[in-house]
Amino acid sequence: NHVGLVVSDIATTARCYIEELGLKSIGDPVELDGINTVVQFLGAGESRVELLMPTSQEGTLYRFLSKRGEGLHHICFSFDDVHGLVERLKIRGVTMIDQQPWRSPHGWAAYIHPESAHGCAVELREHY
């Protein structure tokens, strides 16, 4: 579905990817309620990049950026039944960041913890 990148300045980063690499903006930046994050999607052919920027010094995304700097945050795959998938993964012992899918502006989402996905967070997405 997409690759998520943590950035410190979403407008500057989006402008760079658009002007230098020819990516296309997909909608306006969207603030994710309750998690101190703004996201912006960019398109490159059939691929998408999600830019994620913390909006405060609280929350996991700010800690991620402070500790690791800008760069890869997660990869995302689309599924038809994220709720069922999360339950099956938990039964199999997969460590989940989200114990239940949550409603994002772009669909149901849940994250697999990097320790269960060989070092990279994996977002599971089901579009509404």
N, C-alpha and C. Protein backbone atom coordinates (compact mmCIF):
# COMPACT_ATOMS: atom_id res chain seq x y z
N ASN A 1 0.82 -1.20 0.00
CA ASN A 1 0.00 0.00 0.00
C ASN A 1 0.86 1.26 0.00
N HIS A 2 1.81 1.37 0.97
CA HIS A 2 2.69 2.55 1.00
C HIS A 2 3.87 2.32 1.93
N VAL A 3 4.81 3.25 1.87
CA VAL A 3 5.95 3.30 2.77
C VAL A 3 5.81 4.59 3.58
N GLY A 4 5.99 4.50 4.89
CA GLY A 4 5.87 5.66 5.76
C GLY A 4 7.23 6.18 6.18
N LEU A 5 7.43 7.50 6.01
CA LEU A 5 8.68 8.15 6.39
C LEU A 5 8.41 9.20 7.46
N VAL A 6 9.18 9.18 8.53
CA VAL A 6 9.10 10.21 9.56
C VAL A 6 9.93 11.39 9.11
N VAL A 7 9.35 12.59 9.21
CA VAL A 7 10.05 13.81 8.79
C VAL A 7 9.88 14.88 9.86
N SER A 8 10.80 15.84 9.87
CA SER A 8 10.70 16.93 10.84
C SER A 8 9.92 18.12 10.30
N ASP A 9 9.81 18.24 8.98
CA ASP A 9 9.07 19.35 8.36
C ASP A 9 8.35 18.80 7.14
N ILE A 10 7.05 18.58 7.29
CA ILE A 10 6.28 17.91 6.24
C ILE A 10 6.19 18.75 4.97
N ALA A 11 6.06 20.07 5.09
CA ALA A 11 5.93 20.92 3.91
C ALA A 11 7.23 20.93 3.10
N THR A 12 8.36 21.07 3.78
CA THR A 12 9.65 21.09 3.10
C THR A 12 9.93 19.75 2.43
N THR A 13 9.65 18.66 3.14
CA THR A 13 9.89 17.33 2.59
C THR A 13 8.99 17.07 1.40
N ALA A 14 7.70 17.40 1.51
CA ALA A 14 6.77 17.20 0.39
C ALA A 14 7.22 18.00 -0.82
N ARG A 15 7.61 19.24 -0.61
CA ARG A 15 8.07 20.09 -1.71
C ARG A 15 9.28 19.45 -2.40
N CYS A 16 10.22 18.92 -1.63
CA CYS A 16 11.41 18.27 -2.19
C CYS A 16 11.02 17.07 -3.04
N TYR A 17 10.18 16.20 -2.51
CA TYR A 17 9.78 15.00 -3.25
C TYR A 17 8.98 15.35 -4.50
N ILE A 18 8.19 16.41 -4.43
CA ILE A 18 7.38 16.83 -5.59
C ILE A 18 8.26 17.52 -6.63
N GLU A 19 9.05 18.50 -6.20
CA GLU A 19 9.85 19.28 -7.16
C GLU A 19 11.06 18.51 -7.69
N GLU A 20 11.73 17.75 -6.84
CA GLU A 20 12.96 17.08 -7.25
C GLU A 20 12.72 15.70 -7.86
N LEU A 21 11.71 14.99 -7.36
CA LEU A 21 11.48 13.62 -7.82
C LEU A 21 10.23 13.45 -8.68
N GLY A 22 9.41 14.50 -8.74
CA GLY A 22 8.22 14.44 -9.58
C GLY A 22 7.04 13.70 -8.98
N LEU A 23 7.07 13.45 -7.66
CA LEU A 23 5.91 12.82 -7.04
C LEU A 23 4.73 13.77 -7.05
N LYS A 24 3.54 13.24 -6.89
CA LYS A 24 2.31 14.04 -6.90
C LYS A 24 1.69 14.05 -5.51
N SER A 25 1.18 15.20 -5.11
CA SER A 25 0.47 15.30 -3.84
C SER A 25 -0.87 14.58 -3.97
N ILE A 26 -1.20 13.79 -2.94
CA ILE A 26 -2.51 13.11 -2.90
C ILE A 26 -3.28 13.74 -1.74
N GLY A 27 -4.03 14.77 -2.01
CA GLY A 27 -4.78 15.45 -0.96
C GLY A 27 -3.91 16.34 -0.10
N ASP A 28 -4.56 16.95 0.86
CA ASP A 28 -3.89 17.85 1.79
C ASP A 28 -3.36 17.07 2.99
N PRO A 29 -2.42 17.68 3.73
CA PRO A 29 -1.99 17.04 4.98
C PRO A 29 -3.19 16.87 5.92
N VAL A 30 -3.19 15.78 6.68
CA VAL A 30 -4.29 15.47 7.58
C VAL A 30 -3.73 15.25 8.98
N GLU A 31 -4.33 15.89 9.98
CA GLU A 31 -3.92 15.67 11.36
C GLU A 31 -4.66 14.45 11.90
N LEU A 32 -3.92 13.55 12.52
CA LEU A 32 -4.51 12.35 13.11
C LEU A 32 -4.85 12.66 14.56
N ASP A 33 -6.14 12.69 14.84
CA ASP A 33 -6.61 13.04 16.18
C ASP A 33 -6.06 12.11 17.24
N GLY A 34 -5.59 12.69 18.33
CA GLY A 34 -5.18 11.92 19.49
C GLY A 34 -3.79 11.32 19.44
N ILE A 35 -3.07 11.43 18.31
CA ILE A 35 -1.72 10.85 18.28
C ILE A 35 -0.66 11.86 17.86
N ASN A 36 -0.99 13.15 17.90
CA ASN A 36 -0.02 14.22 17.69
C ASN A 36 0.79 14.04 16.41
N THR A 37 0.08 13.78 15.31
CA THR A 37 0.74 13.49 14.04
C THR A 37 -0.02 14.10 12.88
N VAL A 38 0.72 14.63 11.91
CA VAL A 38 0.16 15.06 10.63
C VAL A 38 0.74 14.15 9.56
N VAL A 39 -0.11 13.72 8.62
CA VAL A 39 0.35 12.86 7.53
C VAL A 39 0.05 13.52 6.19
N GLN A 40 0.88 13.24 5.20
CA GLN A 40 0.71 13.72 3.83
C GLN A 40 1.08 12.57 2.90
N PHE A 41 0.17 12.22 2.00
CA PHE A 41 0.47 11.17 1.03
C PHE A 41 0.95 11.77 -0.28
N LEU A 42 1.94 11.12 -0.87
CA LEU A 42 2.47 11.48 -2.17
C LEU A 42 2.42 10.25 -3.06
N GLY A 43 2.15 10.48 -4.35
CA GLY A 43 2.08 9.37 -5.28
C GLY A 43 3.24 9.35 -6.25
N ALA A 44 3.70 8.13 -6.55
CA ALA A 44 4.75 7.92 -7.55
C ALA A 44 4.28 6.74 -8.40
N GLY A 45 3.59 7.04 -9.50
CA GLY A 45 2.99 5.98 -10.29
C GLY A 45 1.94 5.28 -9.45
N GLU A 46 2.06 3.95 -9.32
CA GLU A 46 1.12 3.20 -8.50
C GLU A 46 1.57 3.10 -7.04
N SER A 47 2.75 3.62 -6.73
CA SER A 47 3.28 3.57 -5.36
C SER A 47 2.91 4.84 -4.61
N ARG A 48 2.91 4.73 -3.27
CA ARG A 48 2.64 5.89 -2.44
C ARG A 48 3.65 5.98 -1.31
N VAL A 49 3.92 7.22 -0.91
CA VAL A 49 4.77 7.52 0.23
C VAL A 49 3.93 8.31 1.21
N GLU A 50 3.97 7.92 2.48
CA GLU A 50 3.27 8.66 3.53
C GLU A 50 4.32 9.38 4.36
N LEU A 51 4.25 10.70 4.38
CA LEU A 51 5.11 11.50 5.24
C LEU A 51 4.39 11.67 6.57
N LEU A 52 5.10 11.43 7.67
CA LEU A 52 4.54 11.56 9.01
C LEU A 52 5.37 12.56 9.80
N MET A 53 4.71 13.54 10.41
CA MET A 53 5.41 14.55 11.19
C MET A 53 4.73 14.69 12.55
N PRO A 54 5.51 14.60 13.64
CA PRO A 54 4.91 14.84 14.95
C PRO A 54 4.52 16.31 15.09
N THR A 55 3.40 16.54 15.80
CA THR A 55 2.93 17.92 16.00
C THR A 55 3.21 18.44 17.40
N SER A 56 3.75 17.58 18.26
CA SER A 56 4.13 18.02 19.60
C SER A 56 5.28 17.15 20.08
N GLN A 57 5.80 17.49 21.24
CA GLN A 57 6.91 16.72 21.80
C GLN A 57 6.41 15.54 22.62
N GLU A 58 5.14 15.21 22.46
CA GLU A 58 4.57 14.07 23.16
C GLU A 58 4.22 13.00 22.14
N GLY A 59 4.29 11.77 22.56
CA GLY A 59 3.88 10.68 21.70
C GLY A 59 5.04 9.91 21.10
N THR A 60 4.71 8.76 20.55
CA THR A 60 5.73 7.84 20.06
C THR A 60 6.44 8.34 18.81
N LEU A 61 5.75 9.08 17.95
CA LEU A 61 6.40 9.54 16.73
C LEU A 61 7.49 10.56 17.03
N TYR A 62 7.24 11.46 17.98
CA TYR A 62 8.28 12.42 18.37
C TYR A 62 9.49 11.69 18.96
N ARG A 63 9.23 10.70 19.82
CA ARG A 63 10.33 9.93 20.40
C ARG A 63 11.12 9.20 19.31
N PHE A 64 10.41 8.64 18.32
CA PHE A 64 11.06 7.96 17.21
C PHE A 64 11.97 8.93 16.46
N LEU A 65 11.45 10.11 16.11
CA LEU A 65 12.22 11.11 15.38
C LEU A 65 13.43 11.59 16.19
N SER A 66 13.23 11.83 17.48
CA SER A 66 14.33 12.29 18.34
C SER A 66 15.43 11.26 18.46
N LYS A 67 15.04 10.00 18.53
CA LYS A 67 16.01 8.91 18.75
C LYS A 67 16.71 8.49 17.46
N ARG A 68 15.93 8.39 16.36
CA ARG A 68 16.48 7.82 15.13
C ARG A 68 16.66 8.82 13.99
N GLY A 69 16.03 9.98 14.11
CA GLY A 69 16.09 10.96 13.02
C GLY A 69 15.09 10.62 11.92
N GLU A 70 15.13 11.40 10.87
CA GLU A 70 14.20 11.20 9.76
C GLU A 70 14.52 9.89 9.03
N GLY A 71 13.48 9.31 8.47
CA GLY A 71 13.70 8.10 7.68
C GLY A 71 12.54 7.13 7.75
N LEU A 72 12.82 5.89 7.37
CA LEU A 72 11.79 4.86 7.29
C LEU A 72 11.14 4.62 8.65
N HIS A 73 9.83 4.66 8.66
CA HIS A 73 9.07 4.39 9.88
C HIS A 73 8.33 3.06 9.78
N HIS A 74 7.67 2.81 8.63
CA HIS A 74 6.92 1.57 8.47
C HIS A 74 6.65 1.29 7.00
N ILE A 75 6.27 0.03 6.75
CA ILE A 75 5.71 -0.33 5.45
C ILE A 75 4.27 -0.75 5.70
N CYS A 76 3.42 -0.58 4.70
CA CYS A 76 2.00 -0.84 4.87
C CYS A 76 1.50 -1.75 3.76
N PHE A 77 0.69 -2.73 4.17
CA PHE A 77 0.05 -3.64 3.23
C PHE A 77 -1.46 -3.57 3.42
N SER A 78 -2.21 -3.70 2.33
CA SER A 78 -3.67 -3.67 2.37
C SER A 78 -4.24 -5.07 2.50
N PHE A 79 -5.32 -5.18 3.27
CA PHE A 79 -6.03 -6.45 3.47
C PHE A 79 -7.53 -6.19 3.47
N ASP A 80 -8.29 -7.23 3.23
CA ASP A 80 -9.74 -7.10 3.21
C ASP A 80 -10.37 -7.15 4.60
N ASP A 81 -9.73 -7.83 5.55
CA ASP A 81 -10.29 -8.01 6.89
C ASP A 81 -9.21 -7.84 7.94
N VAL A 82 -8.88 -6.59 8.26
CA VAL A 82 -7.82 -6.32 9.23
C VAL A 82 -8.20 -6.81 10.63
N HIS A 83 -9.47 -6.68 10.99
CA HIS A 83 -9.88 -7.14 12.33
C HIS A 83 -9.59 -8.64 12.50
N GLY A 84 -9.99 -9.43 11.53
CA GLY A 84 -9.74 -10.87 11.59
C GLY A 84 -8.26 -11.19 11.54
N LEU A 85 -7.51 -10.46 10.71
CA LEU A 85 -6.08 -10.68 10.59
C LEU A 85 -5.37 -10.42 11.90
N VAL A 86 -5.71 -9.34 12.58
CA VAL A 86 -5.09 -9.01 13.86
C VAL A 86 -5.35 -10.12 14.88
N GLU A 87 -6.57 -10.61 14.92
CA GLU A 87 -6.89 -11.70 15.86
C GLU A 87 -6.07 -12.95 15.54
N ARG A 88 -5.96 -13.30 14.26
CA ARG A 88 -5.16 -14.49 13.87
C ARG A 88 -3.69 -14.30 14.22
N LEU A 89 -3.15 -13.09 14.00
CA LEU A 89 -1.74 -12.83 14.32
C LEU A 89 -1.48 -12.94 15.82
N LYS A 90 -2.39 -12.39 16.63
CA LYS A 90 -2.22 -12.47 18.08
C LYS A 90 -2.25 -13.92 18.55
N ILE A 91 -3.14 -14.74 18.00
CA ILE A 91 -3.20 -16.15 18.36
C ILE A 91 -1.88 -16.84 18.03
N ARG A 92 -1.24 -16.42 16.95
CA ARG A 92 0.04 -17.02 16.53
C ARG A 92 1.24 -16.46 17.31
N GLY A 93 0.98 -15.52 18.23
CA GLY A 93 2.05 -14.99 19.06
C GLY A 93 2.77 -13.77 18.50
N VAL A 94 2.23 -13.17 17.46
CA VAL A 94 2.85 -11.97 16.88
C VAL A 94 2.62 -10.79 17.82
N THR A 95 3.65 -10.04 18.11
CA THR A 95 3.55 -8.87 18.98
C THR A 95 2.97 -7.71 18.18
N MET A 96 1.85 -7.21 18.65
CA MET A 96 1.16 -6.10 17.99
C MET A 96 1.36 -4.81 18.78
N ILE A 97 1.57 -3.71 18.08
CA ILE A 97 1.55 -2.40 18.73
C ILE A 97 0.10 -2.07 19.08
N ASP A 98 -0.80 -2.33 18.14
CA ASP A 98 -2.23 -2.08 18.34
C ASP A 98 -2.93 -3.42 18.56
N GLN A 99 -3.57 -3.57 19.71
CA GLN A 99 -4.27 -4.82 20.01
C GLN A 99 -5.58 -4.94 19.23
N GLN A 100 -6.10 -3.82 18.79
CA GLN A 100 -7.31 -3.76 17.97
C GLN A 100 -7.08 -2.75 16.87
N PRO A 101 -7.61 -2.97 15.66
CA PRO A 101 -7.52 -1.95 14.62
C PRO A 101 -8.20 -0.66 15.07
N TRP A 102 -7.67 0.45 14.60
CA TRP A 102 -8.24 1.76 14.93
C TRP A 102 -8.62 2.47 13.64
N ARG A 103 -9.59 3.36 13.76
CA ARG A 103 -10.14 4.08 12.61
C ARG A 103 -9.27 5.29 12.30
N SER A 104 -8.57 5.23 11.17
CA SER A 104 -7.77 6.36 10.70
C SER A 104 -8.57 7.07 9.62
N PRO A 105 -8.12 8.25 9.16
CA PRO A 105 -8.84 8.93 8.07
C PRO A 105 -8.80 8.13 6.76
N HIS A 106 -7.92 7.13 6.68
CA HIS A 106 -7.73 6.41 5.42
C HIS A 106 -8.19 4.96 5.49
N GLY A 107 -8.72 4.52 6.62
CA GLY A 107 -9.19 3.15 6.76
C GLY A 107 -8.81 2.58 8.11
N TRP A 108 -9.23 1.33 8.37
CA TRP A 108 -8.83 0.65 9.59
C TRP A 108 -7.34 0.37 9.55
N ALA A 109 -6.66 0.54 10.67
CA ALA A 109 -5.22 0.35 10.72
C ALA A 109 -4.81 -0.35 12.01
N ALA A 110 -3.77 -1.15 11.93
CA ALA A 110 -3.14 -1.76 13.10
C ALA A 110 -1.68 -2.01 12.74
N TYR A 111 -0.82 -1.93 13.73
CA TYR A 111 0.63 -2.10 13.49
C TYR A 111 1.16 -3.35 14.16
N ILE A 112 2.01 -4.07 13.42
CA ILE A 112 2.81 -5.15 13.98
C ILE A 112 4.09 -4.51 14.54
N HIS A 113 4.48 -4.92 15.74
CA HIS A 113 5.69 -4.39 16.36
C HIS A 113 6.92 -4.83 15.56
N PRO A 114 7.93 -3.96 15.42
CA PRO A 114 9.14 -4.33 14.69
C PRO A 114 9.81 -5.62 15.17
N GLU A 115 9.69 -5.93 16.46
CA GLU A 115 10.33 -7.15 16.97
C GLU A 115 9.71 -8.41 16.36
N SER A 116 8.48 -8.34 15.89
CA SER A 116 7.83 -9.48 15.25
C SER A 116 7.88 -9.40 13.73
N ALA A 117 8.50 -8.35 13.20
CA ALA A 117 8.54 -8.16 11.74
C ALA A 117 9.96 -7.89 11.26
N HIS A 118 10.93 -8.48 11.93
CA HIS A 118 12.33 -8.42 11.50
C HIS A 118 12.87 -7.00 11.41
N GLY A 119 12.48 -6.15 12.39
CA GLY A 119 13.09 -4.85 12.53
C GLY A 119 12.35 -3.67 11.93
N CYS A 120 11.24 -3.90 11.25
CA CYS A 120 10.49 -2.79 10.64
C CYS A 120 9.03 -2.88 11.07
N ALA A 121 8.46 -1.76 11.52
CA ALA A 121 7.03 -1.76 11.83
C ALA A 121 6.25 -2.02 10.54
N VAL A 122 5.17 -2.81 10.68
CA VAL A 122 4.32 -3.13 9.53
C VAL A 122 2.91 -2.66 9.85
N GLU A 123 2.38 -1.79 9.00
CA GLU A 123 1.01 -1.35 9.13
C GLU A 123 0.12 -2.28 8.31
N LEU A 124 -0.98 -2.69 8.92
CA LEU A 124 -2.00 -3.47 8.24
C LEU A 124 -3.17 -2.54 7.99
N ARG A 125 -3.63 -2.44 6.76
CA ARG A 125 -4.64 -1.43 6.40
C ARG A 125 -5.82 -2.08 5.70
N GLU A 126 -7.00 -1.64 6.07
CA GLU A 126 -8.24 -2.01 5.36
C GLU A 126 -8.96 -0.72 5.03
N HIS A 127 -9.13 -0.46 3.74
CA HIS A 127 -9.81 0.78 3.34
C HIS A 127 -11.31 0.66 3.59
N TYR A 128 -11.92 1.78 3.95
CA TYR A 128 -13.37 1.80 4.19
C TYR A 128 -14.10 1.59 2.90
